[in-house]
Amino acid sequence: MADEVDGGRSEEAAVARVYGEIASAYEVLYPALHRYGDRVERFLADVLKPGMRVLDVGCGPALHTRGLDASVDVVGLDLAPEMLELAKRARPSGTWRVHSYTDPVPEDLGVFDVVLVIGCLDFCDDLPRVLGHLGRVMKPGARMLFTVLERRPGLEAHEASTRRARTADTDVTLYLWSAEETARAVEAAGLRVRDYAHGPGWELMAEERVMWFGWWDVTRG
């Protein structure tokens, strides 16, 4: 078990280095890396009201939250300090913290009305545990939009539960979850599915391939 934990932290450190290295160019790369359309924007427009609290997990440079109304309290978590520095510049009023989504959300950050977890659970080897952490900081009636790389028979590069991806200095493991597995993890976390879609995610530029997400809109209570 200790070896598994150490291995996971080693891969997590590699992911943090990669995102730190591309932070300065991330906004330029973003259109090529992601094919989200306006899914996140439509979700936020539907759920957000003035004065709400938003948790942005894997926030990067705060592309999804920087332009939200000034009354909204934004808390962003990310592995890469370089990304958080960009987020802080983009939205100085936010709270930005280096934190792994595999660990419980720190209690001092409180609870939230809205949670975003977009494009960062690709490295998650225990989806029920992570969704459990997030469910515990959601207020009753809170909404969360999260994505997972989706395993689907017959969809090239999506058939297996894991695949290796090359980063700058090491390979890391990507985890793909079936819709059924994700639904069970949502239920185990005490959450309820409001909406689901199978849609484009980010692009593996080296393979000229778009990876597909399960997009999950869930609520607590």
Foldseek 3Di string as FASTA:
>chain_A
DVVVVVVLVVLLVLVQVQLLVCLVVCVVCVVQFWDPPCVLVVVCVVQDDFQFEEEEEQCFLVPSNLPDDPRYAYEYEHQYPNRQVNVCVSHVRYHYDHDDLLDADDPVVAAGQEYEAAPPCQQPPDLLSSLLSNLVRYDAFHKYKHKAQAADPPDPPRPDQWDWDDGPPDIGITGHYHPVRNCVSCVSSQKAFPDWDWAWTTAPVVVRDTTIIIITMIGHD
